[in-house]
Amino acid sequence: MVTTTTTQESDMQTAKQDVERMLGQLPDDATLEDIEYHFYVLKKIRNGIKSIEEQGSIPQEEAEKRFAKWLSE
């Protein structure tokens, strides 16, 4: 399983460093599909962090209210 970095750690690392770290955590017998999947997840995480930094996020309580309303319908 590939671990992710925190926002603070990510700010200090380049995309290349993140990919190198990801590849280092994969088993030696990882397939190209495994690498593509983990690269996809890494890219989504980096995009999410960037979005939060640029647009902000909502508090946990607000998220819970929204999900509760959505799940009760």
N, C-alpha and C. Protein backbone atom coordinates (compact mmCIF):
# COMPACT_ATOMS: atom_id res chain seq x y z
N MET A 1 0.85 -1.18 0.00
CA MET A 1 0.00 0.00 0.00
C MET A 1 0.89 1.24 0.00
N VAL A 2 0.51 2.22 -0.79
CA VAL A 2 1.29 3.45 -0.90
C VAL A 2 0.74 4.47 0.08
N THR A 3 1.61 5.08 0.86
CA THR A 3 1.18 6.11 1.79
C THR A 3 1.28 7.47 1.12
N THR A 4 0.52 8.41 1.62
CA THR A 4 0.54 9.76 1.06
C THR A 4 1.27 10.69 2.02
N THR A 5 1.62 11.83 1.52
CA THR A 5 2.29 12.83 2.35
C THR A 5 1.27 13.83 2.84
N THR A 6 1.59 14.51 3.92
CA THR A 6 0.73 15.58 4.40
C THR A 6 0.94 16.80 3.52
N THR A 7 0.07 17.78 3.67
CA THR A 7 0.19 19.01 2.89
C THR A 7 1.54 19.65 3.12
N GLN A 8 1.97 19.69 4.34
CA GLN A 8 3.25 20.32 4.66
C GLN A 8 4.39 19.57 3.99
N GLU A 9 4.38 18.25 4.05
CA GLU A 9 5.42 17.46 3.40
C GLU A 9 5.35 17.63 1.89
N SER A 10 4.13 17.66 1.35
CA SER A 10 3.94 17.77 -0.09
C SER A 10 4.47 19.10 -0.61
N ASP A 11 4.32 20.16 0.17
CA ASP A 11 4.84 21.45 -0.24
C ASP A 11 6.35 21.41 -0.44
N MET A 12 7.01 20.56 0.31
CA MET A 12 8.46 20.48 0.26
C MET A 12 8.94 19.53 -0.83
N GLN A 13 8.06 18.72 -1.38
CA GLN A 13 8.46 17.74 -2.36
C GLN A 13 7.96 18.13 -3.75
N THR A 14 8.76 17.80 -4.73
CA THR A 14 8.33 18.01 -6.10
C THR A 14 7.50 16.81 -6.55
N ALA A 15 6.83 16.96 -7.67
CA ALA A 15 6.06 15.84 -8.22
C ALA A 15 6.98 14.65 -8.48
N LYS A 16 8.17 14.92 -8.98
CA LYS A 16 9.12 13.84 -9.25
C LYS A 16 9.48 13.10 -7.97
N GLN A 17 9.70 13.83 -6.89
CA GLN A 17 10.03 13.20 -5.62
C GLN A 17 8.86 12.35 -5.11
N ASP A 18 7.63 12.84 -5.29
CA ASP A 18 6.46 12.08 -4.88
C ASP A 18 6.36 10.78 -5.66
N VAL A 19 6.60 10.83 -6.97
CA VAL A 19 6.54 9.63 -7.81
C VAL A 19 7.65 8.67 -7.43
N GLU A 20 8.86 9.19 -7.20
CA GLU A 20 9.97 8.32 -6.79
C GLU A 20 9.65 7.62 -5.48
N ARG A 21 9.06 8.33 -4.56
CA ARG A 21 8.68 7.74 -3.27
C ARG A 21 7.62 6.67 -3.48
N MET A 22 6.64 6.97 -4.31
CA MET A 22 5.58 6.01 -4.59
C MET A 22 6.16 4.74 -5.20
N LEU A 23 7.03 4.89 -6.19
CA LEU A 23 7.64 3.73 -6.85
C LEU A 23 8.47 2.92 -5.87
N GLY A 24 9.15 3.60 -4.96
CA GLY A 24 9.96 2.90 -3.97
C GLY A 24 9.13 2.08 -3.00
N GLN A 25 7.87 2.44 -2.82
CA GLN A 25 7.01 1.72 -1.89
C GLN A 25 6.28 0.55 -2.55
N LEU A 26 6.27 0.51 -3.86
CA LEU A 26 5.61 -0.59 -4.56
C LEU A 26 6.50 -1.83 -4.54
N PRO A 27 5.89 -3.01 -4.56
CA PRO A 27 6.71 -4.23 -4.59
C PRO A 27 7.44 -4.35 -5.92
N ASP A 28 8.52 -5.10 -5.93
CA ASP A 28 9.32 -5.27 -7.14
C ASP A 28 8.53 -5.91 -8.28
N ASP A 29 7.52 -6.69 -7.95
CA ASP A 29 6.73 -7.36 -9.00
C ASP A 29 5.48 -6.57 -9.39
N ALA A 30 5.45 -5.27 -9.07
CA ALA A 30 4.30 -4.43 -9.43
C ALA A 30 4.16 -4.38 -10.95
N THR A 31 2.92 -4.48 -11.40
CA THR A 31 2.66 -4.42 -12.84
C THR A 31 2.54 -2.98 -13.29
N LEU A 32 2.55 -2.78 -14.59
CA LEU A 32 2.35 -1.44 -15.13
C LEU A 32 0.99 -0.90 -14.70
N GLU A 33 0.00 -1.77 -14.64
CA GLU A 33 -1.33 -1.35 -14.20
C GLU A 33 -1.31 -0.89 -12.74
N ASP A 34 -0.55 -1.60 -11.89
CA ASP A 34 -0.41 -1.18 -10.49
C ASP A 34 0.20 0.22 -10.42
N ILE A 35 1.24 0.46 -11.20
CA ILE A 35 1.92 1.75 -11.21
C ILE A 35 0.98 2.84 -11.71
N GLU A 36 0.25 2.56 -12.78
CA GLU A 36 -0.70 3.53 -13.32
C GLU A 36 -1.77 3.89 -12.29
N TYR A 37 -2.28 2.87 -11.60
CA TYR A 37 -3.32 3.12 -10.59
C TYR A 37 -2.77 4.01 -9.47
N HIS A 38 -1.61 3.67 -8.95
CA HIS A 38 -1.04 4.46 -7.85
C HIS A 38 -0.67 5.87 -8.31
N PHE A 39 -0.23 6.02 -9.54
CA PHE A 39 0.05 7.34 -10.08
C PHE A 39 -1.24 8.15 -10.18
N TYR A 40 -2.32 7.50 -10.63
CA TYR A 40 -3.64 8.15 -10.72
C TYR A 40 -4.08 8.65 -9.34
N VAL A 41 -3.95 7.79 -8.32
CA VAL A 41 -4.35 8.17 -6.96
C VAL A 41 -3.49 9.32 -6.46
N LEU A 42 -2.19 9.25 -6.68
CA LEU A 42 -1.28 10.32 -6.26
C LEU A 42 -1.67 11.64 -6.92
N LYS A 43 -1.98 11.59 -8.21
CA LYS A 43 -2.38 12.80 -8.94
C LYS A 43 -3.68 13.38 -8.36
N LYS A 44 -4.65 12.52 -8.06
CA LYS A 44 -5.92 12.98 -7.49
C LYS A 44 -5.70 13.62 -6.12
N ILE A 45 -4.83 13.03 -5.31
CA ILE A 45 -4.55 13.60 -3.99
C ILE A 45 -3.89 14.96 -4.13
N ARG A 46 -2.89 15.07 -5.01
CA ARG A 46 -2.22 16.37 -5.22
C ARG A 46 -3.21 17.41 -5.72
N ASN A 47 -4.11 17.03 -6.63
CA ASN A 47 -5.12 17.96 -7.14
C ASN A 47 -6.08 18.39 -6.03
N GLY A 48 -6.46 17.45 -5.15
CA GLY A 48 -7.34 17.77 -4.03
C GLY A 48 -6.70 18.74 -3.06
N ILE A 49 -5.44 18.51 -2.76
CA ILE A 49 -4.72 19.42 -1.85
C ILE A 49 -4.63 20.81 -2.47
N LYS A 50 -4.32 20.86 -3.75
CA LYS A 50 -4.23 22.15 -4.44
C LYS A 50 -5.58 22.87 -4.42
N SER A 51 -6.66 22.13 -4.64
CA SER A 51 -8.00 22.71 -4.63
C SER A 51 -8.34 23.28 -3.26
N ILE A 52 -8.02 22.55 -2.21
CA ILE A 52 -8.30 23.02 -0.85
C ILE A 52 -7.49 24.29 -0.56
N GLU A 53 -6.23 24.30 -0.98
CA GLU A 53 -5.39 25.47 -0.73
C GLU A 53 -5.92 26.70 -1.47
N GLU A 54 -6.45 26.50 -2.68
CA GLU A 54 -6.93 27.63 -3.48
C GLU A 54 -8.35 28.04 -3.15
N GLN A 55 -9.21 27.07 -2.88
CA GLN A 55 -10.64 27.35 -2.70
C GLN A 55 -11.13 27.17 -1.28
N GLY A 56 -10.30 26.58 -0.43
CA GLY A 56 -10.71 26.31 0.94
C GLY A 56 -11.53 25.04 1.02
N SER A 57 -11.97 24.74 2.22
CA SER A 57 -12.77 23.54 2.45
C SER A 57 -13.88 23.89 3.43
N ILE A 58 -14.74 22.90 3.69
CA ILE A 58 -15.82 23.14 4.64
C ILE A 58 -15.48 22.44 5.95
N PRO A 59 -16.01 22.95 7.07
CA PRO A 59 -15.76 22.31 8.36
C PRO A 59 -16.36 20.90 8.41
N GLN A 60 -15.82 20.06 9.26
CA GLN A 60 -16.28 18.68 9.42
C GLN A 60 -17.77 18.62 9.73
N GLU A 61 -18.24 19.50 10.62
CA GLU A 61 -19.65 19.50 11.02
C GLU A 61 -20.56 19.76 9.82
N GLU A 62 -20.15 20.68 8.95
CA GLU A 62 -20.95 20.99 7.75
C GLU A 62 -20.97 19.80 6.80
N ALA A 63 -19.84 19.15 6.65
CA ALA A 63 -19.78 17.96 5.79
C ALA A 63 -20.71 16.87 6.33
N GLU A 64 -20.70 16.66 7.63
CA GLU A 64 -21.57 15.65 8.24
C GLU A 64 -23.04 15.98 8.02
N LYS A 65 -23.41 17.26 8.14
CA LYS A 65 -24.80 17.67 7.90
C LYS A 65 -25.20 17.39 6.46
N ARG A 66 -24.33 17.73 5.53
CA ARG A 66 -24.63 17.51 4.12
C ARG A 66 -24.79 16.02 3.81
N PHE A 67 -23.89 15.20 4.35
CA PHE A 67 -23.99 13.76 4.10
C PHE A 67 -25.23 13.18 4.77
N ALA A 68 -25.55 13.63 5.97
CA ALA A 68 -26.73 13.11 6.66
C ALA A 68 -27.99 13.39 5.86
N LYS A 69 -28.09 14.59 5.31
CA LYS A 69 -29.25 14.95 4.51
C LYS A 69 -29.30 14.10 3.24
N TRP A 70 -28.17 13.92 2.60
CA TRP A 70 -28.10 13.16 1.37
C TRP A 70 -28.42 11.69 1.62
N LEU A 71 -27.91 11.13 2.70
CA LEU A 71 -28.13 9.73 3.01
C LEU A 71 -29.55 9.42 3.49
N SER A 72 -30.24 10.41 4.02
CA SER A 72 -31.61 10.18 4.52
C SER A 72 -32.65 10.25 3.41
N GLU A 73 -32.27 10.71 2.26
CA GLU A 73 -33.24 10.82 1.16
C GLU A 73 -33.44 9.51 0.44
